[in-house]
Amino acid sequence: MVKKNYRIFVSHGGDDKWVAEQIARRLKNDCGCEIFLDVFDVEKGDDIEGRVFDELPHCQELVALLTPWAANRNWVWIEIGAARALGLRVVAILYGLTLADLDKEKGGKAFLGAKNVVEINDVETYLTQVSRRAAK
């Protein structure tokens, strides 16, 4: 039985909205998680910054979709850093770049290491692991 209060914050750059939506849908529908994704949960005129910082403490995990576009978005890194500061599990799904790219160009290893990273082609493994965590 899935514990309905396992909540995941999905972080992404605006150019990656569609892929982030697909990941969020899979986390919700296949893993039974509650999801916070700005596309679904933030309306026009909302205080986005306030919503982000209000929501993060209610999550157990943050998954960040990191693409060449998202890696250049300050807010993605702010959300990752805030999640780390709160002690949340942080997982980055890499699409179109590698951990070495992040380290070389973005200093990504300050927040991420090999244990925090999933390649886009290994998302099914990640979803299986999330399902197990959500069921506990």
Protein backbone atom coordinates (compact mmCIF):
# COMPACT_ATOMS: atom_id res chain seq x y z
CA MET A 1 0.00 0.00 0.00
CA VAL A 2 1.35 3.43 -0.96
CA LYS A 3 1.65 6.02 1.77
CA LYS A 4 -0.19 9.01 0.28
CA ASN A 5 1.88 11.63 2.02
CA TYR A 6 5.20 10.86 0.29
CA ARG A 7 5.62 14.16 -1.50
CA ILE A 8 8.12 15.04 -4.21
CA PHE A 9 9.04 18.52 -5.41
CA VAL A 10 9.85 18.50 -9.15
CA SER A 11 12.35 21.19 -10.15
CA HIS A 12 13.01 22.10 -13.78
CA GLY A 13 13.74 24.94 -16.16
CA GLY A 14 10.93 26.48 -18.19
CA ASP A 15 12.25 25.05 -21.46
CA ASP A 16 11.85 21.56 -20.01
CA LYS A 17 8.21 21.85 -18.97
CA TRP A 18 6.92 18.92 -21.03
CA VAL A 19 9.56 16.45 -19.81
CA ALA A 20 9.06 17.60 -16.21
CA GLU A 21 5.30 17.05 -16.58
CA GLN A 22 5.88 13.50 -17.82
CA ILE A 23 8.17 12.70 -14.89
CA ALA A 24 5.66 14.21 -12.45
CA ARG A 25 2.81 12.20 -13.95
CA ARG A 26 4.79 8.97 -13.65
CA LEU A 27 5.70 9.76 -10.03
CA LYS A 28 2.05 10.38 -9.25
CA ASN A 29 0.35 7.68 -11.31
CA ASP A 30 2.90 4.87 -11.13
CA CYS A 31 4.48 5.52 -7.73
CA GLY A 32 1.50 7.00 -5.88
CA CYS A 33 3.39 10.10 -4.77
CA GLU A 34 1.98 13.52 -4.16
CA ILE A 35 3.73 16.01 -6.44
CA PHE A 36 4.53 19.68 -6.36
CA LEU A 37 5.24 20.98 -9.86
CA ASP A 38 4.88 24.66 -10.63
CA VAL A 39 3.08 23.91 -13.90
CA PHE A 40 0.30 22.17 -11.97
CA ASP A 41 0.42 24.01 -8.64
CA VAL A 42 1.30 27.67 -9.26
CA GLU A 43 -1.25 29.97 -10.85
CA LYS A 44 -0.69 33.24 -12.66
CA GLY A 45 -0.15 36.00 -10.13
CA ASP A 46 0.93 33.64 -7.32
CA ASP A 47 4.03 34.47 -5.31
CA ILE A 48 6.20 31.77 -6.89
CA GLU A 49 9.12 32.26 -4.51
CA GLY A 50 6.79 32.04 -1.53
CA ARG A 51 5.11 28.90 -2.87
CA VAL A 52 8.49 27.21 -3.42
CA PHE A 53 9.74 27.92 0.08
CA ASP A 54 6.38 27.04 1.65
CA GLU A 55 6.18 23.75 -0.22
CA LEU A 56 9.69 22.35 0.18
CA PRO A 57 9.44 21.60 3.93
CA HIS A 58 6.38 19.42 3.21
CA CYS A 59 8.29 17.22 0.75
CA GLN A 60 10.46 14.21 1.42
CA GLU A 61 12.33 14.46 -1.85
CA LEU A 62 13.30 16.85 -4.63
CA VAL A 63 13.87 15.59 -8.13
CA ALA A 64 15.55 18.07 -10.46
CA LEU A 65 15.44 17.65 -14.20
CA LEU A 66 18.84 18.93 -15.29
CA THR A 67 19.24 19.68 -18.97
CA PRO A 68 21.60 22.11 -20.72
CA TRP A 69 18.84 24.72 -20.30
CA ALA A 70 17.88 23.97 -16.69
CA ALA A 71 21.51 23.88 -15.57
CA ASN A 72 21.68 27.58 -16.42
CA ARG A 73 18.63 28.46 -14.35
CA ASN A 74 19.46 29.95 -10.94
CA TRP A 75 16.13 28.83 -9.50
CA VAL A 76 16.87 25.17 -10.16
CA TRP A 77 20.09 25.46 -8.13
CA ILE A 78 18.34 27.49 -5.42
CA GLU A 79 15.70 24.76 -5.10
CA ILE A 80 18.38 22.05 -4.96
CA GLY A 81 20.31 23.99 -2.31
CA ALA A 82 17.19 24.65 -0.24
CA ALA A 83 16.24 20.97 -0.39
CA ARG A 84 19.72 19.97 0.74
CA ALA A 85 19.56 22.49 3.61
CA LEU A 86 16.25 20.95 4.70
CA GLY A 87 17.76 17.46 4.63
CA LEU A 88 15.58 16.22 1.76
CA ARG A 89 16.66 13.46 -0.57
CA VAL A 90 17.89 15.15 -3.76
CA VAL A 91 17.97 13.32 -7.08
CA ALA A 92 18.93 14.88 -10.39
CA ILE A 93 17.74 13.39 -13.67
CA LEU A 94 20.29 14.27 -16.32
CA TYR A 95 19.07 14.78 -19.85
CA GLY A 96 21.51 16.07 -22.48
CA LEU A 97 24.44 16.50 -20.12
CA THR A 98 26.62 14.51 -17.74
CA LEU A 99 27.80 14.94 -14.17
CA ALA A 100 31.24 15.78 -15.59
CA ASP A 101 29.63 18.56 -17.66
CA LEU A 102 27.97 19.93 -14.54
CA ASP A 103 31.17 19.82 -12.57
CA LYS A 104 33.24 21.45 -15.29
CA GLU A 105 30.79 24.14 -16.32
CA LYS A 106 28.49 24.68 -13.35
CA GLY A 107 30.32 23.49 -10.23
CA GLY A 108 27.53 20.94 -9.87
CA LYS A 109 29.43 18.61 -7.61
CA ALA A 110 28.96 21.14 -4.83
CA PHE A 111 25.39 19.81 -4.61
CA LEU A 112 25.44 16.56 -6.54
CA GLY A 113 27.49 13.40 -6.69
CA ALA A 114 27.12 10.11 -8.50
CA LYS A 115 24.69 8.83 -5.85
CA ASN A 116 22.35 11.76 -6.53
CA VAL A 117 22.24 11.40 -10.32
CA VAL A 118 20.07 9.36 -12.66
CA GLU A 119 20.55 9.38 -16.42
CA ILE A 120 17.32 9.92 -18.34
CA ASN A 121 17.55 6.37 -19.73
CA ASP A 122 17.54 4.99 -16.16
CA VAL A 123 14.37 6.76 -15.03
CA GLU A 124 12.53 3.42 -14.75
CA THR A 125 15.01 2.30 -12.08
CA TYR A 126 14.49 5.56 -10.21
CA LEU A 127 10.70 5.15 -10.38
CA THR A 128 10.99 1.64 -8.94
CA GLN A 129 13.08 2.98 -6.07
CA VAL A 130 10.61 5.82 -5.42
CA SER A 131 7.75 3.32 -5.34
CA ARG A 132 9.56 1.39 -2.62
CA ARG A 133 10.24 4.53 -0.58
CA ALA A 134 6.67 5.76 -0.95
CA ALA A 135 5.28 2.42 0.23
CA LYS A 136 7.20 2.49 3.53
